[in-house]
Amino acid sequence: MNLTKSLTPKDTEEIKPGLFIQTKYGELLDDDGHTVIGKAPMYYKQISPAAWDGKIIWKNLLFGQGFLKSFIFFLIILFIAWSYFHDIKVYQDFYEEVISDPVLFCTNVSLVHINGNEITNPLQSDYGKDSQIILEE
């Protein structure tokens, strides 16, 4: 199948250069309102075709209708996949650490520091004794 033919929309007219409308058809009913006797144009919609007169319109093909919505949807799916694999990696690292030596892992875990507040930052070792923090040079 020819790519240009597949990209050219059906039931479309070029009103003036660059302005295209597409006819949307609906069912034409008989006088009783229940019998379908054919199709009739119901409304017209302005479109930006990806191909026209055997030529591909690259701007419309790449950035045409629904591009922004599709791009945002793609980014959301990409973010979900990235966060899933990132979380799996963090869980695997944690599992490997626990499985490698469970006793060592449990001895390093404490909920409460018995001797008071634990100071992990060497710059804060004199905090509370003096209002001046001594920086190592």
N, C-alpha and C. Protein backbone atom coordinates (compact mmCIF):
# COMPACT_ATOMS: atom_id res chain seq x y z
N MET A 1 0.84 -1.18 0.00
CA MET A 1 0.00 0.00 0.00
C MET A 1 0.89 1.25 0.00
N ASN A 2 0.49 2.20 -0.76
CA ASN A 2 1.24 3.44 -0.87
C ASN A 2 1.03 4.29 0.39
N LEU A 3 2.12 4.79 0.96
CA LEU A 3 2.05 5.57 2.20
C LEU A 3 1.26 6.86 1.99
N THR A 4 1.45 7.50 0.86
CA THR A 4 0.75 8.76 0.60
C THR A 4 -0.75 8.54 0.52
N LYS A 5 -1.16 7.44 -0.10
CA LYS A 5 -2.60 7.15 -0.20
C LYS A 5 -3.19 6.87 1.17
N SER A 6 -2.44 6.18 2.00
CA SER A 6 -2.97 5.86 3.33
C SER A 6 -3.03 7.09 4.24
N LEU A 7 -2.18 8.09 4.00
CA LEU A 7 -2.19 9.30 4.82
C LEU A 7 -3.20 10.34 4.33
N THR A 8 -3.68 10.20 3.09
CA THR A 8 -4.64 11.14 2.54
C THR A 8 -6.02 10.84 3.12
N PRO A 9 -6.67 11.81 3.78
CA PRO A 9 -7.97 11.54 4.39
C PRO A 9 -9.08 11.43 3.34
N LYS A 10 -10.09 10.64 3.66
CA LYS A 10 -11.23 10.46 2.76
C LYS A 10 -12.26 11.56 3.01
N ASP A 11 -13.08 11.82 2.02
CA ASP A 11 -14.16 12.81 2.10
C ASP A 11 -13.65 14.18 2.51
N THR A 12 -12.53 14.61 1.92
CA THR A 12 -11.91 15.88 2.27
C THR A 12 -11.82 16.76 1.03
N GLU A 13 -12.06 18.04 1.23
CA GLU A 13 -11.94 19.03 0.15
C GLU A 13 -11.00 20.14 0.59
N GLU A 14 -10.28 20.70 -0.39
CA GLU A 14 -9.43 21.86 -0.12
C GLU A 14 -10.21 23.09 -0.54
N ILE A 15 -10.67 23.86 0.43
CA ILE A 15 -11.47 25.04 0.16
C ILE A 15 -10.62 26.14 -0.44
N LYS A 16 -9.50 26.42 0.16
CA LYS A 16 -8.50 27.34 -0.38
C LYS A 16 -7.15 26.77 0.03
N PRO A 17 -6.05 27.26 -0.52
CA PRO A 17 -4.76 26.65 -0.19
C PRO A 17 -4.49 26.64 1.32
N GLY A 18 -4.30 25.44 1.84
CA GLY A 18 -4.00 25.28 3.25
C GLY A 18 -5.21 25.09 4.14
N LEU A 19 -6.44 25.22 3.60
CA LEU A 19 -7.66 25.06 4.39
C LEU A 19 -8.42 23.84 3.87
N PHE A 20 -8.51 22.83 4.71
CA PHE A 20 -9.15 21.58 4.33
C PHE A 20 -10.33 21.32 5.25
N ILE A 21 -11.44 20.82 4.66
CA ILE A 21 -12.57 20.40 5.47
C ILE A 21 -12.90 18.95 5.13
N GLN A 22 -13.38 18.25 6.14
CA GLN A 22 -13.76 16.86 5.96
C GLN A 22 -15.25 16.73 6.28
N THR A 23 -15.96 16.02 5.42
CA THR A 23 -17.39 15.81 5.60
C THR A 23 -17.61 14.62 6.52
N LYS A 24 -18.40 14.82 7.55
CA LYS A 24 -18.80 13.73 8.44
C LYS A 24 -20.23 13.37 8.10
N TYR A 25 -20.44 12.09 7.80
CA TYR A 25 -21.75 11.62 7.36
C TYR A 25 -22.52 10.99 8.51
N GLY A 26 -23.83 11.07 8.41
CA GLY A 26 -24.72 10.41 9.36
C GLY A 26 -25.79 9.66 8.59
N GLU A 27 -26.63 8.95 9.30
CA GLU A 27 -27.67 8.15 8.66
C GLU A 27 -28.84 9.04 8.24
N LEU A 28 -29.32 8.80 7.02
CA LEU A 28 -30.49 9.51 6.50
C LEU A 28 -31.70 8.60 6.72
N LEU A 29 -32.68 9.09 7.46
CA LEU A 29 -33.83 8.27 7.82
C LEU A 29 -35.03 8.59 6.94
N ASP A 30 -35.91 7.61 6.81
CA ASP A 30 -37.15 7.75 6.04
C ASP A 30 -38.12 8.65 6.82
N ASP A 31 -39.28 8.92 6.24
CA ASP A 31 -40.27 9.79 6.88
C ASP A 31 -40.77 9.24 8.21
N ASP A 32 -40.78 7.91 8.34
CA ASP A 32 -41.25 7.34 9.60
C ASP A 32 -40.21 7.48 10.72
N GLY A 33 -38.95 7.76 10.37
CA GLY A 33 -37.90 8.00 11.35
C GLY A 33 -37.21 6.76 11.85
N HIS A 34 -37.55 5.59 11.29
CA HIS A 34 -36.97 4.35 11.76
C HIS A 34 -36.16 3.63 10.68
N THR A 35 -36.43 3.88 9.42
CA THR A 35 -35.77 3.17 8.33
C THR A 35 -34.62 4.02 7.79
N VAL A 36 -33.44 3.39 7.71
CA VAL A 36 -32.27 4.07 7.17
C VAL A 36 -32.29 3.92 5.66
N ILE A 37 -32.25 5.05 4.94
CA ILE A 37 -32.27 4.98 3.48
C ILE A 37 -30.95 5.41 2.85
N GLY A 38 -30.00 5.87 3.65
CA GLY A 38 -28.70 6.26 3.10
C GLY A 38 -27.91 7.11 4.08
N LYS A 39 -26.89 7.74 3.51
CA LYS A 39 -26.04 8.62 4.31
C LYS A 39 -26.19 10.04 3.81
N ALA A 40 -26.10 10.97 4.74
CA ALA A 40 -26.18 12.39 4.39
C ALA A 40 -25.12 13.13 5.18
N PRO A 41 -24.58 14.22 4.59
CA PRO A 41 -23.59 15.00 5.35
C PRO A 41 -24.24 15.64 6.57
N MET A 42 -23.65 15.37 7.73
CA MET A 42 -24.19 15.91 8.97
C MET A 42 -23.48 17.20 9.38
N TYR A 43 -22.15 17.20 9.28
CA TYR A 43 -21.38 18.39 9.63
C TYR A 43 -20.02 18.32 8.95
N TYR A 44 -19.31 19.43 9.00
CA TYR A 44 -17.97 19.53 8.41
C TYR A 44 -16.97 19.84 9.50
N LYS A 45 -15.76 19.34 9.32
CA LYS A 45 -14.72 19.52 10.32
C LYS A 45 -13.45 19.97 9.61
N GLN A 46 -12.79 21.00 10.16
CA GLN A 46 -11.52 21.44 9.59
C GLN A 46 -10.42 20.50 10.05
N ILE A 47 -9.59 20.05 9.10
CA ILE A 47 -8.52 19.11 9.42
C ILE A 47 -7.21 19.61 8.82
N SER A 48 -6.12 18.98 9.23
CA SER A 48 -4.79 19.23 8.67
C SER A 48 -4.26 17.89 8.17
N PRO A 49 -4.46 17.58 6.89
CA PRO A 49 -4.08 16.26 6.40
C PRO A 49 -2.56 16.07 6.36
N ALA A 50 -2.13 14.83 6.59
CA ALA A 50 -0.70 14.51 6.55
C ALA A 50 -0.21 14.38 5.12
N ALA A 51 -1.12 14.15 4.17
CA ALA A 51 -0.74 14.07 2.76
C ALA A 51 -1.88 14.63 1.92
N TRP A 52 -1.49 15.28 0.81
CA TRP A 52 -2.49 15.83 -0.10
C TRP A 52 -1.89 15.90 -1.50
N ASP A 53 -2.65 15.54 -2.50
CA ASP A 53 -2.23 15.53 -3.91
C ASP A 53 -0.95 14.73 -4.11
N GLY A 54 -0.81 13.62 -3.44
CA GLY A 54 0.35 12.75 -3.63
C GLY A 54 1.61 13.23 -2.95
N LYS A 55 1.53 14.29 -2.15
CA LYS A 55 2.70 14.81 -1.44
C LYS A 55 2.46 14.73 0.07
N ILE A 56 3.51 14.39 0.80
CA ILE A 56 3.42 14.34 2.26
C ILE A 56 3.69 15.73 2.81
N ILE A 57 2.81 16.20 3.66
CA ILE A 57 2.99 17.49 4.34
C ILE A 57 3.63 17.17 5.69
N TRP A 58 4.95 17.36 5.77
CA TRP A 58 5.71 16.91 6.95
C TRP A 58 5.30 17.63 8.22
N LYS A 59 4.98 18.90 8.12
CA LYS A 59 4.57 19.66 9.31
C LYS A 59 3.30 19.05 9.91
N ASN A 60 2.34 18.73 9.07
CA ASN A 60 1.10 18.13 9.57
C ASN A 60 1.30 16.69 10.02
N LEU A 61 2.20 15.98 9.36
CA LEU A 61 2.46 14.59 9.74
C LEU A 61 3.09 14.52 11.13
N LEU A 62 4.08 15.38 11.38
CA LEU A 62 4.79 15.33 12.66
C LEU A 62 4.07 16.06 13.78
N PHE A 63 3.50 17.22 13.47
CA PHE A 63 2.89 18.06 14.51
C PHE A 63 1.42 18.30 14.26
N GLY A 64 0.75 17.37 13.64
CA GLY A 64 -0.66 17.53 13.29
C GLY A 64 -1.58 17.37 14.47
N GLN A 65 -2.83 17.05 14.15
CA GLN A 65 -3.86 16.95 15.18
C GLN A 65 -3.54 15.85 16.17
N GLY A 66 -3.67 16.16 17.41
CA GLY A 66 -3.43 15.18 18.46
C GLY A 66 -1.97 15.00 18.82
N PHE A 67 -1.07 15.80 18.23
CA PHE A 67 0.36 15.62 18.51
C PHE A 67 0.67 15.91 19.97
N LEU A 68 0.18 17.02 20.46
CA LEU A 68 0.50 17.41 21.84
C LEU A 68 -0.08 16.40 22.84
N LYS A 69 -1.31 15.97 22.59
CA LYS A 69 -1.93 14.99 23.47
C LYS A 69 -1.15 13.67 23.43
N SER A 70 -0.76 13.24 22.25
CA SER A 70 0.00 12.00 22.12
C SER A 70 1.38 12.12 22.76
N PHE A 71 2.01 13.28 22.60
CA PHE A 71 3.34 13.50 23.17
C PHE A 71 3.30 13.48 24.70
N ILE A 72 2.30 14.14 25.27
CA ILE A 72 2.16 14.15 26.73
C ILE A 72 1.85 12.74 27.24
N PHE A 73 1.00 12.02 26.53
CA PHE A 73 0.70 10.63 26.90
C PHE A 73 1.96 9.77 26.85
N PHE A 74 2.78 9.96 25.82
CA PHE A 74 4.04 9.22 25.69
C PHE A 74 4.97 9.53 26.86
N LEU A 75 5.07 10.81 27.23
CA LEU A 75 5.93 11.19 28.36
C LEU A 75 5.43 10.59 29.67
N ILE A 76 4.13 10.53 29.86
CA ILE A 76 3.59 9.94 31.08
C ILE A 76 3.91 8.45 31.14
N ILE A 77 3.74 7.76 30.03
CA ILE A 77 4.05 6.32 29.98
C ILE A 77 5.55 6.11 30.22
N LEU A 78 6.38 6.96 29.62
CA LEU A 78 7.82 6.85 29.81
C LEU A 78 8.20 7.07 31.28
N PHE A 79 7.59 8.06 31.92
CA PHE A 79 7.86 8.33 33.34
C PHE A 79 7.43 7.16 34.22
N ILE A 80 6.28 6.59 33.93
CA ILE A 80 5.80 5.44 34.72
C ILE A 80 6.75 4.27 34.58
N ALA A 81 7.21 4.01 33.35
CA ALA A 81 8.15 2.90 33.13
C ALA A 81 9.47 3.16 33.86
N TRP A 82 9.98 4.40 33.76
CA TRP A 82 11.24 4.74 34.43
C TRP A 82 11.10 4.59 35.94
N SER A 83 10.02 5.11 36.51
CA SER A 83 9.86 5.03 37.97
C SER A 83 9.69 3.59 38.42
N TYR A 84 9.01 2.77 37.62
CA TYR A 84 8.85 1.36 37.98
C TYR A 84 10.21 0.66 38.02
N PHE A 85 11.02 0.84 36.97
CA PHE A 85 12.31 0.17 36.94
C PHE A 85 13.27 0.74 37.99
N HIS A 86 13.16 2.04 38.28
CA HIS A 86 13.98 2.64 39.33
C HIS A 86 13.63 2.05 40.69
N ASP A 87 12.34 1.92 40.97
CA ASP A 87 11.91 1.34 42.24
C ASP A 87 12.31 -0.12 42.35
N ILE A 88 12.24 -0.84 41.25
CA ILE A 88 12.66 -2.25 41.26
C ILE A 88 14.14 -2.34 41.60
N LYS A 89 14.96 -1.45 41.04
CA LYS A 89 16.40 -1.46 41.30
C LYS A 89 16.67 -1.16 42.78
N VAL A 90 15.97 -0.20 43.36
CA VAL A 90 16.16 0.14 44.77
C VAL A 90 15.76 -1.05 45.64
N TYR A 91 14.65 -1.69 45.31
CA TYR A 91 14.23 -2.86 46.08
C TYR A 91 15.24 -4.00 45.95
N GLN A 92 15.76 -4.22 44.74
CA GLN A 92 16.75 -5.29 44.55
C GLN A 92 18.02 -5.01 45.36
N ASP A 93 18.46 -3.75 45.36
CA ASP A 93 19.65 -3.40 46.15
C ASP A 93 19.42 -3.64 47.64
N PHE A 94 18.26 -3.24 48.13
CA PHE A 94 17.92 -3.47 49.54
C PHE A 94 17.87 -4.96 49.84
N TYR A 95 17.25 -5.73 48.97
CA TYR A 95 17.13 -7.17 49.17
C TYR A 95 18.51 -7.83 49.18
N GLU A 96 19.38 -7.43 48.25
CA GLU A 96 20.73 -8.00 48.20
C GLU A 96 21.50 -7.68 49.49
N GLU A 97 21.33 -6.46 50.00
CA GLU A 97 22.03 -6.07 51.24
C GLU A 97 21.54 -6.89 52.43
N VAL A 98 20.23 -7.10 52.51
CA VAL A 98 19.68 -7.87 53.63
C VAL A 98 20.06 -9.34 53.51
N ILE A 99 19.96 -9.89 52.31
CA ILE A 99 20.23 -11.32 52.11
C ILE A 99 21.72 -11.64 52.29
N SER A 100 22.60 -10.71 51.93
CA SER A 100 24.03 -11.00 52.01
C SER A 100 24.46 -11.31 53.45
N ASP A 101 23.98 -10.52 54.42
CA ASP A 101 24.29 -10.80 55.83
C ASP A 101 23.18 -10.20 56.69
N PRO A 102 22.14 -10.99 56.98
CA PRO A 102 21.00 -10.44 57.73
C PRO A 102 21.35 -10.00 59.15
N VAL A 103 22.26 -10.71 59.80
CA VAL A 103 22.62 -10.36 61.17
C VAL A 103 23.32 -9.01 61.20
N LEU A 104 24.27 -8.79 60.28
CA LEU A 104 24.96 -7.51 60.21
C LEU A 104 24.00 -6.38 59.87
N PHE A 105 23.06 -6.65 58.97
CA PHE A 105 22.09 -5.62 58.61
C PHE A 105 21.23 -5.24 59.82
N CYS A 106 20.81 -6.23 60.59
CA CYS A 106 19.95 -5.95 61.74
C CYS A 106 20.70 -5.25 62.87
N THR A 107 22.00 -5.49 63.01
CA THR A 107 22.75 -4.80 64.06
C THR A 107 22.96 -3.33 63.72
N ASN A 108 22.99 -2.99 62.46
CA ASN A 108 23.18 -1.60 62.05
C ASN A 108 21.89 -0.80 62.06
N VAL A 109 20.77 -1.46 62.24
CA VAL A 109 19.47 -0.79 62.24
C VAL A 109 19.06 -0.52 63.68
N SER A 110 18.78 0.74 63.98
CA SER A 110 18.27 1.08 65.31
C SER A 110 17.16 2.10 65.15
N LEU A 111 16.14 1.94 65.96
CA LEU A 111 15.03 2.88 65.90
C LEU A 111 15.28 4.08 66.80
N VAL A 112 15.99 3.87 67.91
CA VAL A 112 16.27 4.94 68.87
C VAL A 112 17.74 4.88 69.22
N HIS A 113 18.39 6.04 69.22
CA HIS A 113 19.79 6.11 69.64
C HIS A 113 19.80 6.20 71.17
N ILE A 114 20.42 5.25 71.81
CA ILE A 114 20.35 5.13 73.27
C ILE A 114 21.06 6.29 73.97
N ASN A 115 22.18 6.74 73.46
CA ASN A 115 22.99 7.75 74.15
C ASN A 115 22.53 9.18 73.87
N GLY A 116 21.41 9.40 73.30
CA GLY A 116 20.94 10.74 73.02
C GLY A 116 20.88 10.99 71.53
N ASN A 117 20.97 12.24 71.14
CA ASN A 117 20.92 12.59 69.73
C ASN A 117 22.22 12.23 69.04
N GLU A 118 22.10 11.60 67.92
CA GLU A 118 23.29 11.21 67.16
C GLU A 118 23.68 12.36 66.25
N ILE A 119 24.95 12.75 66.30
CA ILE A 119 25.45 13.82 65.45
C ILE A 119 26.18 13.17 64.29
N THR A 120 25.63 13.35 63.12
CA THR A 120 26.23 12.73 61.93
C THR A 120 27.05 13.70 61.13
N ASN A 121 26.89 14.99 61.38
CA ASN A 121 27.61 16.00 60.63
C ASN A 121 28.75 16.52 61.50
N PRO A 122 30.02 16.41 61.06
CA PRO A 122 31.13 16.88 61.90
C PRO A 122 31.11 18.39 62.12
N LEU A 123 30.44 19.15 61.27
CA LEU A 123 30.36 20.59 61.47
C LEU A 123 29.46 20.94 62.66
N GLN A 124 28.58 20.03 63.04
CA GLN A 124 27.66 20.30 64.13
C GLN A 124 28.15 19.74 65.46
N SER A 125 29.38 19.27 65.53
CA SER A 125 29.87 18.65 66.76
C SER A 125 29.97 19.64 67.91
N ASP A 126 30.18 20.92 67.64
CA ASP A 126 30.26 21.92 68.69
C ASP A 126 28.95 22.69 68.85
N TYR A 127 27.91 22.24 68.22
CA TYR A 127 26.64 22.95 68.28
C TYR A 127 26.07 22.85 69.70
N GLY A 128 25.69 23.93 70.25
CA GLY A 128 25.14 23.97 71.60
C GLY A 128 26.17 24.40 72.62
N LYS A 129 27.44 24.10 72.42
CA LYS A 129 28.49 24.51 73.35
C LYS A 129 28.88 25.95 73.10
N ASP A 130 28.94 26.30 71.82
CA ASP A 130 29.37 27.64 71.45
C ASP A 130 28.51 28.07 70.26
N SER A 131 28.24 29.33 70.15
CA SER A 131 27.41 29.79 69.05
C SER A 131 28.19 29.86 67.75
N GLN A 132 29.49 29.66 67.82
CA GLN A 132 30.33 29.75 66.63
C GLN A 132 30.68 28.34 66.16
N ILE A 133 30.54 28.07 64.87
CA ILE A 133 30.87 26.77 64.30
C ILE A 133 32.28 26.86 63.73
N ILE A 134 33.12 25.93 64.14
CA ILE A 134 34.51 25.92 63.69
C ILE A 134 34.61 25.05 62.45
N LEU A 135 35.09 25.62 61.39
CA LEU A 135 35.25 24.89 60.13
C LEU A 135 36.67 24.36 60.03
N GLU A 136 36.78 23.14 59.55
CA GLU A 136 38.11 22.56 59.36
C GLU A 136 38.74 23.15 58.11
N GLU A 137 40.03 23.44 58.21
CA GLU A 137 40.72 24.00 57.05
C GLU A 137 41.72 23.02 56.50
